[in-house]
Amino acid sequence: MKSLITNSIASVLLLSGVTVAIADTIVLAPEQETEIRTYVKKEPLASIKLPGVELNVGSKVPDTVELHQVPNVKYRYTVIDNRTVVVDPETHTVIKVLD
């Protein structure tokens, strides 16, 4: 009985965590993505290397990485390992990797 209750609680916590993770996902509007892509083509940056940093949506880039502004867009960008990465400047969380 004790095991059943423990498993039930663990399941609820796991599902709650998944819900929170999904709710925290930032979706980049198509217009914003187009504006960022256009700006990045006009203002190319040199790529930097960040060994050990995964470039996935939700991962974080170190605070030491310089983020560059796109006019009229809240988010910033940088180029890591020849991939343009859109980052939330407040949290340094990757919200989009442009290939």
N, C-alpha and C. Protein backbone atom coordinates (compact mmCIF):
# COMPACT_ATOMS: atom_id res chain seq x y z
N MET A 1 0.83 -1.19 0.00
CA MET A 1 0.00 0.00 0.00
C MET A 1 0.87 1.26 0.00
N LYS A 2 1.89 1.25 0.85
CA LYS A 2 2.80 2.40 0.93
C LYS A 2 3.49 2.63 -0.41
N SER A 3 3.87 1.56 -1.07
CA SER A 3 4.51 1.64 -2.38
C SER A 3 3.58 2.23 -3.43
N LEU A 4 2.32 1.86 -3.37
CA LEU A 4 1.32 2.38 -4.32
C LEU A 4 1.16 3.88 -4.16
N ILE A 5 1.10 4.34 -2.93
CA ILE A 5 0.95 5.78 -2.66
C ILE A 5 2.19 6.53 -3.14
N THR A 6 3.36 6.00 -2.84
CA THR A 6 4.61 6.63 -3.27
C THR A 6 4.67 6.72 -4.79
N ASN A 7 4.32 5.66 -5.48
CA ASN A 7 4.32 5.67 -6.94
C ASN A 7 3.31 6.66 -7.50
N SER A 8 2.16 6.75 -6.86
CA SER A 8 1.13 7.70 -7.31
C SER A 8 1.61 9.13 -7.16
N ILE A 9 2.23 9.42 -6.04
CA ILE A 9 2.76 10.78 -5.81
C ILE A 9 3.86 11.09 -6.82
N ALA A 10 4.74 10.14 -7.04
CA ALA A 10 5.83 10.34 -8.02
C ALA A 10 5.26 10.60 -9.40
N SER A 11 4.21 9.88 -9.78
CA SER A 11 3.59 10.07 -11.09
C SER A 11 2.99 11.46 -11.22
N VAL A 12 2.31 11.91 -10.17
CA VAL A 12 1.71 13.25 -10.20
C VAL A 12 2.79 14.31 -10.32
N LEU A 13 3.87 14.17 -9.56
CA LEU A 13 4.95 15.15 -9.63
C LEU A 13 5.61 15.15 -11.00
N LEU A 14 5.80 13.98 -11.57
CA LEU A 14 6.39 13.88 -12.89
C LEU A 14 5.51 14.55 -13.93
N LEU A 15 4.24 14.28 -13.89
CA LEU A 15 3.31 14.91 -14.85
C LEU A 15 3.24 16.41 -14.64
N SER A 16 3.30 16.86 -13.40
CA SER A 16 3.30 18.30 -13.12
C SER A 16 4.52 18.96 -13.71
N GLY A 17 5.67 18.31 -13.59
CA GLY A 17 6.90 18.86 -14.14
C GLY A 17 6.83 18.97 -15.64
N VAL A 18 6.26 17.99 -16.29
CA VAL A 18 6.12 18.02 -17.75
C VAL A 18 5.21 19.16 -18.15
N THR A 19 4.13 19.36 -17.42
CA THR A 19 3.20 20.44 -17.72
C THR A 19 3.88 21.79 -17.59
N VAL A 20 4.66 21.96 -16.51
CA VAL A 20 5.37 23.22 -16.30
C VAL A 20 6.37 23.45 -17.42
N ALA A 21 7.10 22.43 -17.82
CA ALA A 21 8.09 22.57 -18.88
C ALA A 21 7.43 22.99 -20.19
N ILE A 22 6.30 22.40 -20.49
CA ILE A 22 5.59 22.76 -21.72
C ILE A 22 5.08 24.20 -21.64
N ALA A 23 4.58 24.60 -20.48
CA ALA A 23 4.03 25.95 -20.32
C ALA A 23 5.12 27.01 -20.45
N ASP A 24 6.37 26.67 -20.09
CA ASP A 24 7.46 27.64 -20.14
C ASP A 24 8.09 27.77 -21.52
N THR A 25 7.68 26.95 -22.47
CA THR A 25 8.25 27.00 -23.81
C THR A 25 7.82 28.28 -24.51
N ILE A 26 8.78 28.98 -25.09
CA ILE A 26 8.49 30.22 -25.81
C ILE A 26 8.36 29.88 -27.28
N VAL A 27 7.28 30.35 -27.86
CA VAL A 27 7.06 30.13 -29.29
C VAL A 27 7.36 31.43 -30.02
N LEU A 28 8.26 31.34 -30.98
CA LEU A 28 8.63 32.50 -31.78
C LEU A 28 7.61 32.68 -32.89
N ALA A 29 6.98 33.83 -32.94
CA ALA A 29 5.98 34.11 -33.97
C ALA A 29 6.64 34.07 -35.35
N PRO A 30 5.93 33.58 -36.37
CA PRO A 30 6.52 33.50 -37.71
C PRO A 30 7.07 34.84 -38.22
N GLU A 31 6.37 35.93 -37.89
CA GLU A 31 6.84 37.26 -38.32
C GLU A 31 8.18 37.59 -37.67
N GLN A 32 8.31 37.24 -36.38
CA GLN A 32 9.56 37.51 -35.67
C GLN A 32 10.69 36.67 -36.26
N GLU A 33 10.41 35.42 -36.54
CA GLU A 33 11.43 34.55 -37.11
C GLU A 33 11.90 35.08 -38.47
N THR A 34 10.95 35.52 -39.29
CA THR A 34 11.30 36.08 -40.60
C THR A 34 12.16 37.33 -40.43
N GLU A 35 11.78 38.19 -39.49
CA GLU A 35 12.53 39.41 -39.24
C GLU A 35 13.95 39.09 -38.76
N ILE A 36 14.07 38.11 -37.89
CA ILE A 36 15.39 37.71 -37.39
C ILE A 36 16.23 37.13 -38.52
N ARG A 37 15.67 36.23 -39.31
CA ARG A 37 16.41 35.62 -40.43
C ARG A 37 16.90 36.70 -41.41
N THR A 38 16.04 37.64 -41.73
CA THR A 38 16.41 38.72 -42.66
C THR A 38 17.55 39.56 -42.08
N TYR A 39 17.44 39.92 -40.81
CA TYR A 39 18.46 40.74 -40.17
C TYR A 39 19.80 40.00 -40.08
N VAL A 40 19.75 38.72 -39.74
CA VAL A 40 20.97 37.92 -39.61
C VAL A 40 21.71 37.84 -40.93
N LYS A 41 20.97 37.76 -42.04
CA LYS A 41 21.62 37.73 -43.36
C LYS A 41 22.32 39.05 -43.66
N LYS A 42 21.72 40.15 -43.21
CA LYS A 42 22.31 41.48 -43.45
C LYS A 42 23.48 41.77 -42.52
N GLU A 43 23.42 41.22 -41.30
CA GLU A 43 24.41 41.50 -40.27
C GLU A 43 25.05 40.20 -39.77
N PRO A 44 25.80 39.50 -40.61
CA PRO A 44 26.36 38.20 -40.19
C PRO A 44 27.39 38.37 -39.07
N LEU A 45 27.44 37.38 -38.22
CA LEU A 45 28.40 37.38 -37.11
C LEU A 45 29.40 36.25 -37.31
N ALA A 46 30.56 36.42 -36.73
CA ALA A 46 31.53 35.33 -36.71
C ALA A 46 31.03 34.28 -35.72
N SER A 47 31.21 33.03 -36.08
CA SER A 47 30.78 31.94 -35.21
C SER A 47 31.75 31.77 -34.06
N ILE A 48 31.21 31.45 -32.89
CA ILE A 48 32.05 31.15 -31.73
C ILE A 48 31.92 29.67 -31.40
N LYS A 49 32.92 29.15 -30.72
CA LYS A 49 32.91 27.75 -30.29
C LYS A 49 32.56 27.70 -28.81
N LEU A 50 31.68 26.80 -28.46
CA LEU A 50 31.34 26.57 -27.07
C LEU A 50 31.33 25.07 -26.81
N PRO A 51 32.49 24.49 -26.58
CA PRO A 51 32.55 23.05 -26.34
C PRO A 51 31.68 22.66 -25.14
N GLY A 52 30.94 21.60 -25.31
CA GLY A 52 30.12 21.09 -24.22
C GLY A 52 28.76 21.73 -24.06
N VAL A 53 28.45 22.75 -24.88
CA VAL A 53 27.14 23.41 -24.80
C VAL A 53 26.26 22.85 -25.89
N GLU A 54 25.12 22.30 -25.49
CA GLU A 54 24.18 21.76 -26.47
C GLU A 54 23.29 22.87 -26.99
N LEU A 55 23.09 22.88 -28.29
CA LEU A 55 22.24 23.90 -28.90
C LEU A 55 20.85 23.33 -29.15
N ASN A 56 20.10 23.23 -28.09
CA ASN A 56 18.72 22.75 -28.18
C ASN A 56 17.80 23.79 -27.60
N VAL A 57 16.57 23.81 -28.06
CA VAL A 57 15.57 24.69 -27.47
C VAL A 57 15.46 24.32 -25.99
N GLY A 58 15.54 25.34 -25.14
CA GLY A 58 15.45 25.12 -23.70
C GLY A 58 16.79 25.08 -23.00
N SER A 59 17.87 24.84 -23.75
CA SER A 59 19.18 24.86 -23.10
C SER A 59 19.62 26.31 -22.91
N LYS A 60 20.61 26.50 -22.08
CA LYS A 60 21.07 27.86 -21.78
C LYS A 60 22.46 28.09 -22.35
N VAL A 61 22.68 29.32 -22.81
CA VAL A 61 24.02 29.72 -23.21
C VAL A 61 24.64 30.48 -22.04
N PRO A 62 25.93 30.38 -21.86
CA PRO A 62 26.57 31.07 -20.73
C PRO A 62 26.34 32.59 -20.80
N ASP A 63 26.30 33.20 -19.63
CA ASP A 63 26.11 34.65 -19.54
C ASP A 63 27.23 35.42 -20.22
N THR A 64 28.37 34.77 -20.41
CA THR A 64 29.53 35.43 -21.02
C THR A 64 29.40 35.57 -22.54
N VAL A 65 28.43 34.87 -23.13
CA VAL A 65 28.24 34.94 -24.59
C VAL A 65 27.54 36.25 -24.93
N GLU A 66 28.14 36.99 -25.86
CA GLU A 66 27.55 38.26 -26.29
C GLU A 66 26.34 37.99 -27.18
N LEU A 67 25.21 38.57 -26.79
CA LEU A 67 23.97 38.44 -27.56
C LEU A 67 23.75 39.72 -28.34
N HIS A 68 23.31 39.59 -29.57
CA HIS A 68 23.15 40.75 -30.45
C HIS A 68 21.68 41.03 -30.70
N GLN A 69 21.37 42.31 -30.69
CA GLN A 69 19.98 42.76 -30.82
C GLN A 69 19.52 42.78 -32.27
N VAL A 70 18.25 42.45 -32.44
CA VAL A 70 17.57 42.60 -33.73
C VAL A 70 16.55 43.71 -33.51
N PRO A 71 16.56 44.76 -34.35
CA PRO A 71 15.60 45.85 -34.15
C PRO A 71 14.16 45.33 -34.12
N ASN A 72 13.39 45.86 -33.21
CA ASN A 72 11.95 45.57 -33.07
C ASN A 72 11.64 44.14 -32.65
N VAL A 73 12.61 43.42 -32.13
CA VAL A 73 12.39 42.06 -31.66
C VAL A 73 12.93 41.96 -30.24
N LYS A 74 12.17 41.33 -29.37
CA LYS A 74 12.56 41.19 -27.96
C LYS A 74 13.79 40.30 -27.80
N TYR A 75 13.93 39.31 -28.65
CA TYR A 75 14.96 38.30 -28.49
C TYR A 75 16.27 38.73 -29.13
N ARG A 76 17.34 38.08 -28.74
CA ARG A 76 18.68 38.36 -29.25
C ARG A 76 19.18 37.13 -30.01
N TYR A 77 20.30 37.29 -30.68
CA TYR A 77 20.88 36.15 -31.40
C TYR A 77 22.38 36.14 -31.28
N THR A 78 22.94 34.98 -31.54
CA THR A 78 24.37 34.80 -31.64
C THR A 78 24.60 33.62 -32.58
N VAL A 79 25.84 33.42 -32.96
CA VAL A 79 26.17 32.29 -33.84
C VAL A 79 27.16 31.40 -33.09
N ILE A 80 26.74 30.16 -32.86
CA ILE A 80 27.57 29.20 -32.14
C ILE A 80 27.73 27.97 -33.03
N ASP A 81 28.97 27.58 -33.24
CA ASP A 81 29.26 26.41 -34.09
C ASP A 81 28.56 26.51 -35.45
N ASN A 82 28.60 27.69 -36.03
CA ASN A 82 28.02 27.98 -37.35
C ASN A 82 26.50 27.83 -37.40
N ARG A 83 25.86 27.92 -36.25
CA ARG A 83 24.40 27.85 -36.20
C ARG A 83 23.89 29.11 -35.52
N THR A 84 22.91 29.77 -36.13
CA THR A 84 22.33 30.96 -35.53
C THR A 84 21.35 30.53 -34.45
N VAL A 85 21.53 31.11 -33.27
CA VAL A 85 20.74 30.73 -32.11
C VAL A 85 19.99 31.97 -31.61
N VAL A 86 18.67 31.84 -31.46
CA VAL A 86 17.84 32.91 -30.92
C VAL A 86 17.69 32.65 -29.42
N VAL A 87 17.95 33.69 -28.62
CA VAL A 87 18.05 33.53 -27.17
C VAL A 87 17.18 34.56 -26.47
N ASP A 88 16.54 34.15 -25.39
CA ASP A 88 15.82 35.08 -24.51
C ASP A 88 16.89 35.80 -23.70
N PRO A 89 17.02 37.13 -23.84
CA PRO A 89 18.11 37.84 -23.16
C PRO A 89 17.98 37.85 -21.63
N GLU A 90 16.77 37.65 -21.12
CA GLU A 90 16.58 37.67 -19.67
C GLU A 90 17.06 36.39 -19.01
N THR A 91 16.88 35.26 -19.69
CA THR A 91 17.21 33.97 -19.09
C THR A 91 18.37 33.25 -19.76
N HIS A 92 18.80 33.78 -20.91
CA HIS A 92 19.84 33.16 -21.74
C HIS A 92 19.43 31.76 -22.21
N THR A 93 18.13 31.55 -22.34
CA THR A 93 17.59 30.28 -22.80
C THR A 93 17.42 30.30 -24.31
N VAL A 94 17.85 29.23 -24.95
CA VAL A 94 17.69 29.09 -26.41
C VAL A 94 16.21 28.88 -26.71
N ILE A 95 15.65 29.73 -27.58
CA ILE A 95 14.24 29.56 -27.93
C ILE A 95 14.09 29.06 -29.37
N LYS A 96 15.16 29.19 -30.17
CA LYS A 96 15.09 28.71 -31.55
C LYS A 96 16.51 28.57 -32.09
N VAL A 97 16.75 27.49 -32.83
CA VAL A 97 18.00 27.32 -33.54
C VAL A 97 17.66 27.39 -35.00
N LEU A 98 18.21 28.40 -35.69
CA LEU A 98 17.91 28.59 -37.12
C LEU A 98 18.96 27.86 -37.94
N ASP A 99 18.52 26.92 -38.76
CA ASP A 99 19.46 26.16 -39.59
C ASP A 99 19.50 26.70 -41.00
